[in-house]
Amino acid sequence: MLKQFQSVRFDDDNKKLDILMGTIGEVSYEDIEKAAVLNEEASFHGKSIPFSHQVLGGTTFLSGALEPRFYVGIKITLKDGSIRAIYISKIKTGFNTDLYHKDTQEAKEIQKMIQKRISASN
């Protein structure tokens, strides 16, 4: 059975997911340790290890006078310690915007689906 979003496709028959936006490629459910919904600072998007620069609670570690801009996504930590990213946001967003709420809701739905599948494969 396939379940697809614009950013990721779940292939339950083969017990893997296919990342379509982010670190593109296949990941086996059994290789996933955990998945977390996070916000990546826009100025580092695609320029560093995914989610190494996060926006937390409206501030960044390098906070300036302007409200932070970021991409909503899911950080997938594999059992070997490597990181994969699923980006939900196509464009940068900010807190309390319609886009932020929509992307966060979708990210939480995908995260639940991942958690359910990795729990079943352990």
C-alpha atoms as a PDB file:
ATOM      1  CA  MET A   1       0.000   0.000   0.000  1.00  0.00           C
ATOM      2  CA  LEU A   2       1.257   3.470  -0.904  1.00  0.00           C
ATOM      3  CA  LYS A   3       0.428   6.661   1.007  1.00  0.00           C
ATOM      4  CA  GLN A   4       1.846   9.807  -0.530  1.00  0.00           C
ATOM      5  CA  PHE A   5       2.330  13.425   0.452  1.00  0.00           C
ATOM      6  CA  GLN A   6       4.172  16.007  -1.658  1.00  0.00           C
ATOM      7  CA  SER A   7       7.277  15.504   0.490  1.00  0.00           C
ATOM      8  CA  VAL A   8       7.288  11.760   1.213  1.00  0.00           C
ATOM      9  CA  ARG A   9       5.780   8.493   0.016  1.00  0.00           C
ATOM     10  CA  PHE A  10       5.169   5.520   2.323  1.00  0.00           C
ATOM     11  CA  ASP A  11       5.626   2.094   0.729  1.00  0.00           C
ATOM     12  CA  ASP A  12       4.244  -0.336   3.300  1.00  0.00           C
ATOM     13  CA  ASP A  13       4.610  -3.349   1.012  1.00  0.00           C
ATOM     14  CA  ASN A  14       8.394  -2.853   0.956  1.00  0.00           C
ATOM     15  CA  LYS A  15       8.571  -1.293   4.458  1.00  0.00           C
ATOM     16  CA  LYS A  16      10.294   1.905   3.374  1.00  0.00           C
ATOM     17  CA  LEU A  17       9.642   5.554   2.788  1.00  0.00           C
ATOM     18  CA  ASP A  18      10.791   7.595  -0.173  1.00  0.00           C
ATOM     19  CA  ILE A  19      11.793  11.184   0.630  1.00  0.00           C
ATOM     20  CA  LEU A  20      10.729  13.469  -2.204  1.00  0.00           C
ATOM     21  CA  MET A  21      11.611  16.860  -0.620  1.00  0.00           C
ATOM     22  CA  GLY A  22      14.723  16.979   1.552  1.00  0.00           C
ATOM     23  CA  THR A  23      17.493  14.380   1.568  1.00  0.00           C
ATOM     24  CA  ILE A  24      15.968  12.599  -1.411  1.00  0.00           C
ATOM     25  CA  GLY A  25      16.028   8.812  -1.387  1.00  0.00           C
ATOM     26  CA  GLU A  26      14.654   5.677   0.227  1.00  0.00           C
ATOM     27  CA  VAL A  27      14.825   4.832   3.924  1.00  0.00           C
ATOM     28  CA  SER A  28      13.861   1.451   5.376  1.00  0.00           C
ATOM     29  CA  TYR A  29      11.460   1.635   8.328  1.00  0.00           C
ATOM     30  CA  GLU A  30      13.727  -0.691  10.318  1.00  0.00           C
ATOM     31  CA  ASP A  31      16.678   1.741   9.943  1.00  0.00           C
ATOM     32  CA  ILE A  32      14.818   4.644  11.595  1.00  0.00           C
ATOM     33  CA  GLU A  33      15.461   5.352  15.265  1.00  0.00           C
ATOM     34  CA  LYS A  34      13.249   8.433  15.663  1.00  0.00           C
ATOM     35  CA  ALA A  35      11.504  11.281  13.864  1.00  0.00           C
ATOM     36  CA  ALA A  36      10.994  14.821  15.161  1.00  0.00           C
ATOM     37  CA  VAL A  37       9.085  17.824  13.775  1.00  0.00           C
ATOM     38  CA  LEU A  38      11.486  20.781  13.702  1.00  0.00           C
ATOM     39  CA  ASN A  39      11.943  24.202  12.128  1.00  0.00           C
ATOM     40  CA  GLU A  40      15.163  24.849  10.196  1.00  0.00           C
ATOM     41  CA  GLU A  41      16.452  28.420  10.048  1.00  0.00           C
ATOM     42  CA  ALA A  42      15.945  29.644   6.467  1.00  0.00           C
ATOM     43  CA  SER A  43      19.424  31.119   6.036  1.00  0.00           C
ATOM     44  CA  PHE A  44      20.978  27.659   6.603  1.00  0.00           C
ATOM     45  CA  HIS A  45      18.451  25.665   4.534  1.00  0.00           C
ATOM     46  CA  GLY A  46      20.374  23.372   2.178  1.00  0.00           C
ATOM     47  CA  LYS A  47      23.732  24.756   3.336  1.00  0.00           C
ATOM     48  CA  SER A  48      24.463  22.612   6.396  1.00  0.00           C
ATOM     49  CA  ILE A  49      23.534  19.325   8.042  1.00  0.00           C
ATOM     50  CA  PRO A  50      19.709  19.270   8.117  1.00  0.00           C
ATOM     51  CA  PHE A  51      18.256  20.843  11.262  1.00  0.00           C
ATOM     52  CA  SER A  52      21.623  21.767  12.767  1.00  0.00           C
ATOM     53  CA  HIS A  53      20.303  25.368  12.904  1.00  0.00           C
ATOM     54  CA  GLN A  54      16.833  25.264  14.422  1.00  0.00           C
ATOM     55  CA  VAL A  55      14.258  27.899  15.262  1.00  0.00           C
ATOM     56  CA  LEU A  56      12.847  27.098  18.707  1.00  0.00           C
ATOM     57  CA  GLY A  57       9.861  28.853  20.260  1.00  0.00           C
ATOM     58  CA  GLY A  58      10.195  31.941  18.097  1.00  0.00           C
ATOM     59  CA  THR A  59      13.942  32.511  18.582  1.00  0.00           C
ATOM     60  CA  THR A  60      17.107  31.218  17.009  1.00  0.00           C
ATOM     61  CA  PHE A  61      20.522  30.744  18.496  1.00  0.00           C
ATOM     62  CA  LEU A  62      21.660  33.686  16.350  1.00  0.00           C
ATOM     63  CA  SER A  63      18.523  35.749  16.908  1.00  0.00           C
ATOM     64  CA  GLY A  64      18.279  39.201  15.385  1.00  0.00           C
ATOM     65  CA  ALA A  65      15.715  41.978  15.558  1.00  0.00           C
ATOM     66  CA  LEU A  66      13.532  40.445  12.848  1.00  0.00           C
ATOM     67  CA  GLU A  67      11.159  37.548  13.354  1.00  0.00           C
ATOM     68  CA  PRO A  68      12.889  34.337  12.274  1.00  0.00           C
ATOM     69  CA  ARG A  69      12.061  32.728   8.924  1.00  0.00           C
ATOM     70  CA  PHE A  70      12.311  28.963   8.631  1.00  0.00           C
ATOM     71  CA  TYR A  71      11.243  25.748   6.915  1.00  0.00           C
ATOM     72  CA  VAL A  72       9.050  23.210   8.717  1.00  0.00           C
ATOM     73  CA  GLY A  73      10.312  19.663   8.393  1.00  0.00           C
ATOM     74  CA  ILE A  74      10.942  16.298   9.977  1.00  0.00           C
ATOM     75  CA  LYS A  75      14.378  15.265  11.177  1.00  0.00           C
ATOM     76  CA  ILE A  76      14.822  11.515  10.843  1.00  0.00           C
ATOM     77  CA  THR A  77      17.624  10.018  12.909  1.00  0.00           C
ATOM     78  CA  LEU A  78      18.747   6.616  11.695  1.00  0.00           C
ATOM     79  CA  LYS A  79      20.071   3.865  13.949  1.00  0.00           C
ATOM     80  CA  ASP A  80      23.577   4.434  12.534  1.00  0.00           C
ATOM     81  CA  GLY A  81      23.431   8.057  13.736  1.00  0.00           C
ATOM     82  CA  SER A  82      23.007   9.640  10.316  1.00  0.00           C
ATOM     83  CA  ILE A  83      20.341  12.255   9.642  1.00  0.00           C
ATOM     84  CA  ARG A  84      17.722  12.478   6.909  1.00  0.00           C
ATOM     85  CA  ALA A  85      15.354  15.393   6.351  1.00  0.00           C
ATOM     86  CA  ILE A  86      11.822  15.610   5.035  1.00  0.00           C
ATOM     87  CA  TYR A  87      10.929  19.229   4.278  1.00  0.00           C
ATOM     88  CA  ILE A  88       7.250  20.063   4.439  1.00  0.00           C
ATOM     89  CA  SER A  89       7.562  23.775   3.661  1.00  0.00           C
ATOM     90  CA  LYS A  90       8.224  24.627   0.023  1.00  0.00           C
ATOM     91  CA  ILE A  91       8.892  28.254   0.945  1.00  0.00           C
ATOM     92  CA  LYS A  92      10.145  29.861   4.138  1.00  0.00           C
ATOM     93  CA  THR A  93       7.541  30.762   6.699  1.00  0.00           C
ATOM     94  CA  GLY A  94       7.219  32.334  10.145  1.00  0.00           C
ATOM     95  CA  PHE A  95       5.344  31.604  13.346  1.00  0.00           C
ATOM     96  CA  ASN A  96       1.562  32.092  13.476  1.00  0.00           C
ATOM     97  CA  THR A  97       1.035  32.242   9.712  1.00  0.00           C
ATOM     98  CA  ASP A  98      -1.515  30.099   7.904  1.00  0.00           C
ATOM     99  CA  LEU A  99       1.321  28.377   6.032  1.00  0.00           C
ATOM    100  CA  TYR A 100       3.135  27.581   9.290  1.00  0.00           C
ATOM    101  CA  HIS A 101       0.015  26.026  10.828  1.00  0.00           C
ATOM    102  CA  LYS A 102      -0.745  24.005   7.665  1.00  0.00           C
ATOM    103  CA  ASP A 103       2.843  22.742   7.316  1.00  0.00           C
ATOM    104  CA  THR A 104       3.130  21.903  11.026  1.00  0.00           C
ATOM    105  CA  GLN A 105      -0.130  19.960  10.961  1.00  0.00           C
ATOM    106  CA  GLU A 106       1.044  17.950   7.944  1.00  0.00           C
ATOM    107  CA  ALA A 107       4.457  17.340   9.563  1.00  0.00           C
ATOM    108  CA  LYS A 108       2.816  16.007  12.739  1.00  0.00           C
ATOM    109  CA  GLU A 109       0.602  13.683  10.690  1.00  0.00           C
ATOM    110  CA  ILE A 110       3.633  12.325   8.809  1.00  0.00           C
ATOM    111  CA  GLN A 111       5.617  11.984  12.060  1.00  0.00           C
ATOM    112  CA  LYS A 112       2.804   9.887  13.588  1.00  0.00           C
ATOM    113  CA  MET A 113       2.788   7.674  10.501  1.00  0.00           C
ATOM    114  CA  ILE A 114       6.555   7.178  10.769  1.00  0.00           C
ATOM    115  CA  GLN A 115       6.371   6.400  14.505  1.00  0.00           C
ATOM    116  CA  LYS A 116       3.629   3.839  13.913  1.00  0.00           C
ATOM    117  CA  ARG A 117       5.687   2.088  11.239  1.00  0.00           C
ATOM    118  CA  ILE A 118       8.959   2.031  13.170  1.00  0.00           C
ATOM    119  CA  SER A 119       7.173   0.721  16.261  1.00  0.00           C
ATOM    120  CA  ALA A 120       5.725  -2.111  14.179  1.00  0.00           C
ATOM    121  CA  SER A 121       9.106  -2.983  12.680  1.00  0.00           C
ATOM    122  CA  ASN A 122      10.910  -3.269  16.062  1.00  0.00           C
END
